[in-house]
N, C-alpha and C. Protein backbone atom coordinates (compact mmCIF):
# COMPACT_ATOMS: atom_id res chain seq x y z
N MET A 1 87.39 19.66 -15.72
CA MET A 1 86.19 20.39 -16.07
C MET A 1 85.25 20.38 -14.86
N SER A 2 84.68 21.52 -14.52
CA SER A 2 83.78 21.66 -13.36
C SER A 2 82.33 21.67 -13.83
N MET A 3 81.71 20.50 -13.82
CA MET A 3 80.31 20.40 -14.23
C MET A 3 79.41 20.68 -13.04
N GLN A 4 78.23 21.21 -13.34
CA GLN A 4 77.25 21.51 -12.30
C GLN A 4 75.89 21.01 -12.75
N GLU A 5 75.06 20.69 -11.75
CA GLU A 5 73.68 20.29 -12.01
C GLU A 5 72.74 21.32 -11.40
N ILE A 6 71.80 21.75 -12.19
CA ILE A 6 70.75 22.65 -11.72
C ILE A 6 69.50 21.82 -11.51
N LYS A 7 68.86 22.00 -10.37
CA LYS A 7 67.53 21.44 -10.13
C LYS A 7 66.61 22.63 -9.92
N ALA A 8 65.60 22.73 -10.74
CA ALA A 8 64.65 23.83 -10.63
C ALA A 8 63.25 23.26 -10.46
N PHE A 9 62.51 23.81 -9.52
CA PHE A 9 61.13 23.40 -9.28
C PHE A 9 60.25 24.55 -9.75
N VAL A 10 59.46 24.28 -10.80
CA VAL A 10 58.65 25.33 -11.42
C VAL A 10 57.21 24.85 -11.60
N HIS A 11 56.33 25.81 -11.77
CA HIS A 11 54.93 25.49 -12.04
C HIS A 11 54.80 24.79 -13.38
N ARG A 12 53.92 23.83 -13.41
CA ARG A 12 53.71 23.00 -14.60
C ARG A 12 53.38 23.84 -15.84
N ASN A 13 52.63 24.90 -15.67
CA ASN A 13 52.22 25.70 -16.84
C ASN A 13 53.36 26.55 -17.40
N ARG A 14 54.53 26.57 -16.78
CA ARG A 14 55.67 27.35 -17.26
C ARG A 14 56.76 26.48 -17.89
N ILE A 15 56.69 25.16 -17.73
CA ILE A 15 57.80 24.29 -18.12
C ILE A 15 58.06 24.30 -19.63
N ALA A 16 57.02 24.38 -20.46
CA ALA A 16 57.24 24.37 -21.91
C ALA A 16 58.08 25.55 -22.35
N ASP A 17 57.80 26.74 -21.81
CA ASP A 17 58.59 27.92 -22.16
C ASP A 17 60.03 27.80 -21.67
N VAL A 18 60.21 27.24 -20.47
CA VAL A 18 61.56 27.08 -19.91
C VAL A 18 62.37 26.10 -20.77
N VAL A 19 61.79 24.95 -21.08
CA VAL A 19 62.49 23.95 -21.88
C VAL A 19 62.78 24.49 -23.28
N GLY A 20 61.83 25.21 -23.86
CA GLY A 20 62.05 25.81 -25.18
C GLY A 20 63.22 26.77 -25.19
N ALA A 21 63.31 27.61 -24.18
CA ALA A 21 64.41 28.58 -24.08
C ALA A 21 65.75 27.87 -23.89
N LEU A 22 65.78 26.87 -23.02
CA LEU A 22 67.02 26.12 -22.79
C LEU A 22 67.45 25.36 -24.04
N SER A 23 66.50 24.72 -24.72
CA SER A 23 66.82 23.99 -25.95
C SER A 23 67.34 24.92 -27.03
N SER A 24 66.72 26.09 -27.17
CA SER A 24 67.17 27.06 -28.16
C SER A 24 68.58 27.56 -27.87
N ALA A 25 68.96 27.57 -26.60
CA ALA A 25 70.29 28.02 -26.20
C ALA A 25 71.32 26.88 -26.25
N GLY A 26 70.88 25.70 -26.69
CA GLY A 26 71.82 24.60 -26.88
C GLY A 26 71.99 23.65 -25.71
N PHE A 27 71.15 23.77 -24.69
CA PHE A 27 71.23 22.84 -23.56
C PHE A 27 70.57 21.52 -23.97
N LYS A 28 71.30 20.42 -23.80
CA LYS A 28 70.83 19.11 -24.25
C LYS A 28 70.58 18.14 -23.11
N ARG A 29 71.25 18.30 -21.98
CA ARG A 29 71.13 17.35 -20.87
C ARG A 29 70.03 17.82 -19.92
N LEU A 30 68.79 17.57 -20.31
CA LEU A 30 67.64 18.00 -19.54
C LEU A 30 66.81 16.79 -19.11
N SER A 31 66.30 16.83 -17.89
CA SER A 31 65.34 15.84 -17.41
C SER A 31 64.16 16.61 -16.83
N ILE A 32 62.96 16.13 -17.09
CA ILE A 32 61.75 16.76 -16.58
C ILE A 32 60.94 15.69 -15.84
N ILE A 33 60.63 15.97 -14.57
CA ILE A 33 59.96 15.00 -13.73
C ILE A 33 58.78 15.68 -13.04
N ASP A 34 57.59 15.07 -13.12
CA ASP A 34 56.43 15.58 -12.37
C ASP A 34 56.59 15.20 -10.91
N VAL A 35 56.41 16.16 -10.03
CA VAL A 35 56.50 15.93 -8.59
C VAL A 35 55.35 16.66 -7.91
N GLN A 36 55.04 16.27 -6.68
CA GLN A 36 54.10 17.02 -5.87
C GLN A 36 54.91 17.87 -4.92
N GLY A 37 54.51 19.12 -4.79
CA GLY A 37 55.26 20.02 -3.93
C GLY A 37 54.37 21.03 -3.25
N LEU A 38 55.02 21.90 -2.53
CA LEU A 38 54.30 22.88 -1.72
C LEU A 38 54.45 24.30 -2.26
N LEU A 39 54.70 24.44 -3.56
CA LEU A 39 54.70 25.78 -4.14
C LEU A 39 53.34 26.42 -3.91
N ARG A 40 53.32 27.72 -3.84
CA ARG A 40 52.05 28.44 -3.71
C ARG A 40 51.26 28.26 -5.00
N ALA A 41 50.05 27.79 -4.87
CA ALA A 41 49.20 27.54 -6.04
C ALA A 41 48.84 28.84 -6.73
N LEU A 42 48.77 28.78 -8.05
CA LEU A 42 48.35 29.95 -8.82
C LEU A 42 46.85 30.17 -8.69
N ASP A 43 46.10 29.07 -8.56
CA ASP A 43 44.66 29.15 -8.31
C ASP A 43 44.22 27.85 -7.66
N SER A 44 42.97 27.81 -7.22
CA SER A 44 42.48 26.64 -6.48
C SER A 44 42.45 25.37 -7.33
N LYS A 45 42.33 25.51 -8.65
CA LYS A 45 42.30 24.35 -9.54
C LYS A 45 43.65 23.62 -9.57
N GLU A 46 44.69 24.33 -9.24
CA GLU A 46 46.04 23.75 -9.29
C GLU A 46 46.33 22.90 -8.05
N GLN A 47 45.58 23.09 -6.98
CA GLN A 47 45.83 22.37 -5.73
C GLN A 47 45.01 21.11 -5.62
N GLN A 48 45.57 20.17 -4.89
CA GLN A 48 44.83 18.97 -4.50
C GLN A 48 45.32 18.57 -3.12
N TYR A 49 44.52 17.82 -2.42
CA TYR A 49 44.88 17.40 -1.08
C TYR A 49 45.61 16.06 -1.16
N SER A 50 46.78 15.98 -0.53
CA SER A 50 47.55 14.74 -0.47
C SER A 50 47.29 14.04 0.85
N VAL A 51 46.66 12.89 0.78
CA VAL A 51 46.39 12.10 1.98
C VAL A 51 47.71 11.64 2.60
N GLU A 52 48.70 11.33 1.76
CA GLU A 52 49.99 10.83 2.24
C GLU A 52 50.70 11.82 3.16
N ILE A 53 50.67 13.09 2.81
CA ILE A 53 51.38 14.07 3.65
C ILE A 53 50.45 14.98 4.44
N GLY A 54 49.16 14.87 4.21
CA GLY A 54 48.19 15.63 4.99
C GLY A 54 48.18 17.12 4.73
N GLN A 55 48.50 17.52 3.51
CA GLN A 55 48.50 18.93 3.14
C GLN A 55 48.04 19.09 1.69
N LYS A 56 47.69 20.33 1.35
CA LYS A 56 47.41 20.63 -0.04
C LYS A 56 48.74 20.74 -0.78
N VAL A 57 48.78 20.17 -1.98
CA VAL A 57 49.98 20.19 -2.81
C VAL A 57 49.61 20.64 -4.22
N VAL A 58 50.62 20.98 -4.98
CA VAL A 58 50.44 21.26 -6.39
C VAL A 58 51.35 20.32 -7.16
N THR A 59 50.93 19.96 -8.37
CA THR A 59 51.82 19.20 -9.24
C THR A 59 52.75 20.21 -9.88
N GLU A 60 54.01 20.10 -9.54
CA GLU A 60 55.01 20.98 -10.11
C GLU A 60 55.98 20.14 -10.91
N VAL A 61 56.91 20.77 -11.56
CA VAL A 61 57.87 20.06 -12.39
C VAL A 61 59.27 20.30 -11.83
N LYS A 62 60.01 19.20 -11.72
CA LYS A 62 61.42 19.29 -11.34
C LYS A 62 62.22 19.17 -12.63
N LEU A 63 62.95 20.20 -12.94
CA LEU A 63 63.78 20.26 -14.13
C LEU A 63 65.23 20.06 -13.69
N GLU A 64 65.92 19.14 -14.32
CA GLU A 64 67.34 18.95 -14.04
C GLU A 64 68.12 19.27 -15.30
N VAL A 65 69.15 20.09 -15.13
CA VAL A 65 69.98 20.52 -16.25
C VAL A 65 71.43 20.32 -15.85
N VAL A 66 72.21 19.64 -16.70
CA VAL A 66 73.64 19.48 -16.45
C VAL A 66 74.38 20.49 -17.33
N CYS A 67 75.27 21.25 -16.69
CA CYS A 67 76.02 22.30 -17.38
C CYS A 67 77.51 21.98 -17.36
N GLU A 68 78.17 22.28 -18.46
CA GLU A 68 79.58 21.94 -18.62
C GLU A 68 80.52 22.84 -17.83
N ASN A 69 80.10 24.07 -17.57
CA ASN A 69 80.97 25.00 -16.87
C ASN A 69 80.13 26.09 -16.20
N GLU A 70 80.80 26.94 -15.44
CA GLU A 70 80.08 27.95 -14.64
C GLU A 70 79.35 28.97 -15.50
N SER A 71 79.91 29.33 -16.65
CA SER A 71 79.23 30.32 -17.49
C SER A 71 77.93 29.74 -18.08
N ARG A 72 77.93 28.45 -18.41
CA ARG A 72 76.71 27.82 -18.90
C ARG A 72 75.68 27.69 -17.77
N THR A 73 76.17 27.45 -16.55
CA THR A 73 75.27 27.39 -15.39
C THR A 73 74.59 28.73 -15.20
N THR A 74 75.36 29.79 -15.25
CA THR A 74 74.82 31.15 -15.10
C THR A 74 73.79 31.44 -16.19
N GLU A 75 74.09 31.03 -17.41
CA GLU A 75 73.16 31.25 -18.53
C GLU A 75 71.86 30.47 -18.32
N ALA A 76 71.98 29.21 -17.90
CA ALA A 76 70.77 28.39 -17.68
C ALA A 76 69.91 28.97 -16.57
N ILE A 77 70.54 29.40 -15.48
CA ILE A 77 69.79 30.01 -14.37
C ILE A 77 69.03 31.23 -14.85
N SER A 78 69.69 32.06 -15.64
CA SER A 78 69.05 33.26 -16.16
C SER A 78 67.83 32.92 -17.02
N LEU A 79 67.98 31.91 -17.89
CA LEU A 79 66.87 31.51 -18.75
C LEU A 79 65.71 30.93 -17.94
N ILE A 80 66.04 30.12 -16.94
CA ILE A 80 64.99 29.53 -16.10
C ILE A 80 64.24 30.63 -15.35
N ARG A 81 64.99 31.54 -14.75
CA ARG A 81 64.33 32.63 -14.00
C ARG A 81 63.45 33.48 -14.90
N GLU A 82 63.91 33.77 -16.11
CA GLU A 82 63.14 34.60 -17.04
C GLU A 82 61.85 33.92 -17.50
N HIS A 83 61.92 32.62 -17.79
CA HIS A 83 60.79 31.94 -18.40
C HIS A 83 59.90 31.18 -17.42
N ALA A 84 60.30 31.07 -16.16
CA ALA A 84 59.49 30.34 -15.17
C ALA A 84 58.64 31.27 -14.32
N THR A 85 58.73 32.56 -14.54
CA THR A 85 57.97 33.49 -13.71
C THR A 85 56.47 33.31 -13.91
N THR A 86 55.73 33.56 -12.83
CA THR A 86 54.28 33.41 -12.86
C THR A 86 53.54 34.69 -12.51
N GLY A 87 54.28 35.71 -12.12
CA GLY A 87 53.65 36.93 -11.64
C GLY A 87 53.55 36.98 -10.13
N GLN A 88 53.82 35.85 -9.48
CA GLN A 88 53.85 35.81 -8.02
C GLN A 88 55.27 36.11 -7.53
N PRO A 89 55.39 36.59 -6.30
CA PRO A 89 56.73 36.86 -5.77
C PRO A 89 57.60 35.59 -5.70
N GLU A 90 56.97 34.45 -5.43
CA GLU A 90 57.71 33.19 -5.33
C GLU A 90 57.11 32.20 -6.33
N ALA A 91 57.85 31.93 -7.41
CA ALA A 91 57.32 31.06 -8.46
C ALA A 91 58.05 29.73 -8.54
N GLY A 92 58.97 29.48 -7.64
CA GLY A 92 59.72 28.23 -7.67
C GLY A 92 61.09 28.42 -7.06
N TRP A 93 61.92 27.39 -7.20
CA TRP A 93 63.26 27.42 -6.61
C TRP A 93 64.26 26.81 -7.56
N ILE A 94 65.49 27.31 -7.51
CA ILE A 94 66.60 26.78 -8.29
C ILE A 94 67.71 26.41 -7.32
N TYR A 95 68.25 25.20 -7.49
CA TYR A 95 69.37 24.73 -6.69
C TYR A 95 70.50 24.34 -7.63
N VAL A 96 71.74 24.59 -7.22
CA VAL A 96 72.90 24.25 -8.03
C VAL A 96 73.84 23.38 -7.20
N SER A 97 74.29 22.27 -7.79
CA SER A 97 75.21 21.35 -7.12
C SER A 97 76.39 21.05 -8.03
N GLU A 98 77.54 20.82 -7.43
CA GLU A 98 78.71 20.39 -8.17
C GLU A 98 78.57 18.91 -8.52
N ILE A 99 79.02 18.54 -9.69
CA ILE A 99 79.05 17.13 -10.09
C ILE A 99 80.48 16.65 -9.91
N ARG A 100 80.66 15.66 -9.07
CA ARG A 100 82.01 15.15 -8.80
C ARG A 100 82.57 14.32 -9.94
N SER A 101 81.71 13.58 -10.61
CA SER A 101 82.17 12.80 -11.76
C SER A 101 81.02 12.55 -12.71
N SER A 102 81.37 12.24 -13.93
CA SER A 102 80.40 11.97 -14.98
C SER A 102 80.93 10.78 -15.78
N ILE A 103 80.13 9.74 -15.91
CA ILE A 103 80.56 8.54 -16.61
C ILE A 103 79.58 8.25 -17.74
N GLU A 104 80.08 8.21 -18.94
CA GLU A 104 79.24 7.96 -20.09
C GLU A 104 78.83 6.49 -20.14
N ILE A 105 77.58 6.24 -20.50
CA ILE A 105 77.09 4.86 -20.61
C ILE A 105 77.15 4.43 -22.07
């Protein structure tokens, strides 16, 4: 079985819709992590200055989704793209990686 992991970086105000769509479609292996990133801010209230990196950052969300096969990966990407849009040309990024092994705990 060829499992894949999707990592998507989206604006915080879009994550509820993205997770809702993925959950409704039966995706269960989801992780949501708050991160600081360099996405283009939707407005000035979304930005803050990071002393650690010396730049303005936004709190964005890193979503991780594990998919059982390529068709589920394609479906998840489609749902993320549809529900993470902000009206800006660049609203985030999606990365896909192969999972070499999976071990149940």
